[in-house]
C-alpha atoms as a PDB file:
ATOM      1  CA  LEU A   1      86.132 140.785 125.695  1.00  0.00           C
ATOM      2  CA  PRO A   2      85.298 139.273 129.074  1.00  0.00           C
ATOM      3  CA  SER A   3      88.267 138.985 131.420  1.00  0.00           C
ATOM      4  CA  TRP A   4      88.621 135.209 131.023  1.00  0.00           C
ATOM      5  CA  ASP A   5      88.782 135.696 127.222  1.00  0.00           C
ATOM      6  CA  LYS A   6      91.518 138.284 127.620  1.00  0.00           C
ATOM      7  CA  LYS A   7      93.386 135.957 129.916  1.00  0.00           C
ATOM      8  CA  LEU A   8      93.114 133.091 127.427  1.00  0.00           C
ATOM      9  CA  PHE A   9      94.294 135.218 124.491  1.00  0.00           C
ATOM     10  CA  ASN A  10      97.158 136.635 126.557  1.00  0.00           C
ATOM     11  CA  THR A  11      98.202 133.141 127.588  1.00  0.00           C
ATOM     12  CA  LEU A  12      98.179 131.967 123.967  1.00  0.00           C
ATOM     13  CA  ASN A  13     100.286 134.979 122.997  1.00  0.00           C
ATOM     14  CA  ASN A  14     102.707 134.319 125.841  1.00  0.00           C
ATOM     15  CA  LEU A  15     103.069 130.752 124.601  1.00  0.00           C
ATOM     16  CA  HIS A  16     103.890 132.150 121.141  1.00  0.00           C
ATOM     17  CA  LEU A  17     100.787 130.640 119.584  1.00  0.00           C
ATOM     18  CA  PHE A  18      99.112 132.526 116.781  1.00  0.00           C
ATOM     19  CA  ASP A  19      95.784 132.545 115.007  1.00  0.00           C
ATOM     20  CA  SER A  20      96.502 130.948 111.630  1.00  0.00           C
ATOM     21  CA  PHE A  21      93.903 132.981 109.748  1.00  0.00           C
ATOM     22  CA  LYS A  22      95.061 136.293 111.116  1.00  0.00           C
ATOM     23  CA  LEU A  23      98.597 135.513 110.024  1.00  0.00           C
ATOM     24  CA  LYS A  24      97.530 134.372 106.583  1.00  0.00           C
ATOM     25  CA  PHE A  25      94.954 137.082 105.840  1.00  0.00           C
ATOM     26  CA  ASP A  26      95.867 139.822 108.304  1.00  0.00           C
ATOM     27  CA  GLN A  27      92.920 142.226 108.517  1.00  0.00           C
ATOM     28  CA  LEU A  28      90.990 140.384 105.789  1.00  0.00           C
ATOM     29  CA  CYS A  29      89.801 137.848 108.377  1.00  0.00           C
ATOM     30  CA  ILE A  30      86.533 139.718 108.423  1.00  0.00           C
ATOM     31  CA  ASN A  31      85.929 138.281 104.945  1.00  0.00           C
ATOM     32  CA  TYR A  32      85.971 134.778 106.456  1.00  0.00           C
ATOM     33  CA  PRO A  33      83.389 134.762 109.247  1.00  0.00           C
ATOM     34  CA  THR A  34      83.196 131.582 111.302  1.00  0.00           C
ATOM     35  CA  PHE A  35      79.858 132.292 112.909  1.00  0.00           C
ATOM     36  CA  ASN A  36      76.577 133.151 111.182  1.00  0.00           C
ATOM     37  CA  SER A  37      73.370 134.197 112.795  1.00  0.00           C
ATOM     38  CA  TYR A  38      70.328 135.862 111.317  1.00  0.00           C
ATOM     39  CA  LYS A  39      71.589 139.171 112.770  1.00  0.00           C
ATOM     40  CA  SER A  40      75.319 139.148 112.144  1.00  0.00           C
ATOM     41  CA  THR A  41      78.504 137.306 111.289  1.00  0.00           C
ATOM     42  CA  SER A  42      81.736 137.250 113.250  1.00  0.00           C
ATOM     43  CA  TRP A  43      85.116 135.608 113.662  1.00  0.00           C
ATOM     44  CA  ILE A  44      84.990 133.536 116.864  1.00  0.00           C
ATOM     45  CA  ASP A  45      86.622 130.202 115.923  1.00  0.00           C
ATOM     46  CA  TYR A  46      90.374 129.828 115.728  1.00  0.00           C
ATOM     47  CA  ILE A  47      93.147 127.414 114.932  1.00  0.00           C
ATOM     48  CA  TRP A  48      96.176 128.332 116.996  1.00  0.00           C
ATOM     49  CA  THR A  49      99.594 127.359 115.757  1.00  0.00           C
ATOM     50  CA  SER A  50     103.219 127.631 116.820  1.00  0.00           C
ATOM     51  CA  THR A  51     105.891 129.806 115.240  1.00  0.00           C
ATOM     52  CA  ILE A  52     107.431 126.740 113.594  1.00  0.00           C
ATOM     53  CA  MET A  53     104.144 125.725 111.991  1.00  0.00           C
ATOM     54  CA  VAL A  54     103.315 129.254 110.835  1.00  0.00           C
ATOM     55  CA  GLN A  55     106.063 129.067 108.233  1.00  0.00           C
ATOM     56  CA  HIS A  56     104.394 126.025 106.692  1.00  0.00           C
ATOM     57  CA  ILE A  57     100.807 127.219 106.263  1.00  0.00           C
ATOM     58  CA  LEU A  58      99.640 126.471 102.729  1.00  0.00           C
ATOM     59  CA  ASP A  59      96.013 127.498 102.965  1.00  0.00           C
ATOM     60  CA  CYS A  60      93.285 128.619 105.345  1.00  0.00           C
ATOM     61  CA  LYS A  61      89.586 128.451 104.636  1.00  0.00           C
ATOM     62  CA  THR A  62      86.160 128.116 106.131  1.00  0.00           C
ATOM     63  CA  VAL A  63      83.545 125.596 105.035  1.00  0.00           C
ATOM     64  CA  GLU A  64      79.843 126.060 105.511  1.00  0.00           C
ATOM     65  CA  VAL A  65      77.674 123.371 107.068  1.00  0.00           C
ATOM     66  CA  THR A  66      73.912 123.148 107.153  1.00  0.00           C
ATOM     67  CA  SER A  67      72.236 125.399 109.684  1.00  0.00           C
ATOM     68  CA  GLN A  68      70.649 122.322 111.293  1.00  0.00           C
ATOM     69  CA  LEU A  69      74.119 121.081 112.126  1.00  0.00           C
ATOM     70  CA  SER A  70      75.700 124.289 113.379  1.00  0.00           C
ATOM     71  CA  ASP A  71      75.695 128.056 113.098  1.00  0.00           C
ATOM     72  CA  HIS A  72      79.503 127.909 112.940  1.00  0.00           C
ATOM     73  CA  LEU A  73      81.593 127.267 109.860  1.00  0.00           C
ATOM     74  CA  ILE A  74      84.353 124.681 109.870  1.00  0.00           C
ATOM     75  CA  VAL A  75      87.779 126.298 110.081  1.00  0.00           C
ATOM     76  CA  ILE A  76      90.483 124.501 108.097  1.00  0.00           C
ATOM     77  CA  VAL A  77      94.219 125.115 107.923  1.00  0.00           C
ATOM     78  CA  LYS A  78      96.374 123.137 105.535  1.00  0.00           C
ATOM     79  CA  PHE A  79     100.071 122.745 106.359  1.00  0.00           C
ATOM     80  CA  GLU A  80     103.020 121.719 104.246  1.00  0.00           C
ATOM     81  CA  ASN A  81     104.393 118.289 105.174  1.00  0.00           C
ATOM     82  CA  PHE A  82     107.712 119.732 106.316  1.00  0.00           C
ATOM     83  CA  LEU A  83     108.326 116.776 108.649  1.00  0.00           C
ATOM     84  CA  ASP A  84     108.080 114.400 105.683  1.00  0.00           C
ATOM     85  CA  ILE A  85     106.056 112.047 107.873  1.00  0.00           C
ATOM     86  CA  LYS A  86     105.166 109.491 105.193  1.00  0.00           C
ATOM     87  CA  HIS A  87     108.877 108.756 104.764  1.00  0.00           C
ATOM     88  CA  ASN A  88     109.528 108.609 108.476  1.00  0.00           C
ATOM     89  CA  ARG A  89     110.240 104.933 109.091  1.00  0.00           C
ATOM     90  CA  ARG A  90     109.635 103.894 112.648  1.00  0.00           C
ATOM     91  CA  ASN A  91     111.050 100.683 114.037  1.00  0.00           C
ATOM     92  CA  ILE A  92     107.823  98.957 114.882  1.00  0.00           C
ATOM     93  CA  PRO A  93     108.376  95.272 115.517  1.00  0.00           C
ATOM     94  CA  LEU A  94     106.341  92.913 113.376  1.00  0.00           C
ATOM     95  CA  LYS A  95     103.821  90.729 115.138  1.00  0.00           C
ATOM     96  CA  ARG A  96     102.869  87.206 114.234  1.00  0.00           C
ATOM     97  CA  VAL A  97      99.160  86.601 114.367  1.00  0.00           C
ATOM     98  CA  PHE A  98      97.644  83.143 114.442  1.00  0.00           C
ATOM     99  CA  ASP A  99      94.117  82.274 113.421  1.00  0.00           C
ATOM    100  CA  PHE A 100      93.087  79.798 116.130  1.00  0.00           C
ATOM    101  CA  ASN A 101      90.496  78.202 113.838  1.00  0.00           C
ATOM    102  CA  LYS A 102      93.218  77.327 111.331  1.00  0.00           C
ATOM    103  CA  MET A 103      95.840  76.135 113.800  1.00  0.00           C
ATOM    104  CA  THR A 104      97.277  72.680 113.316  1.00  0.00           C
ATOM    105  CA  GLU A 105      99.480  70.588 115.597  1.00  0.00           C
ATOM    106  CA  GLU A 106     102.490  71.775 113.598  1.00  0.00           C
ATOM    107  CA  SER A 107     101.443  75.431 113.940  1.00  0.00           C
ATOM    108  CA  TRP A 108     101.111  75.009 117.698  1.00  0.00           C
ATOM    109  CA  LYS A 109     104.597  73.519 117.898  1.00  0.00           C
ATOM    110  CA  LEU A 110     106.027  76.459 115.958  1.00  0.00           C
ATOM    111  CA  PHE A 111     104.173  78.855 118.219  1.00  0.00           C
END
């Protein structure tokens, strides 16, 4: 690896970020190449995740795209909804919206 690559990977490690695929498949990552050329395949695309998120990985996969679009595969990681976001109710104030074309004198007074 070039020195800037080593520095980047070391920084990610120091920040306790991990390659999702490597954690899920360990050494079997070679079975999921993310780059295809006419000469070879390799693993050069990553999704980095934190230690908290690692525990919630449900699936990792790659998806092929047409060669006209890219010579890389799409890397996908699916996580469990451990934050239960859809049930997270935020206090967002309601807004009143007026349609100016439908406003009447009474509507303007109420406004």
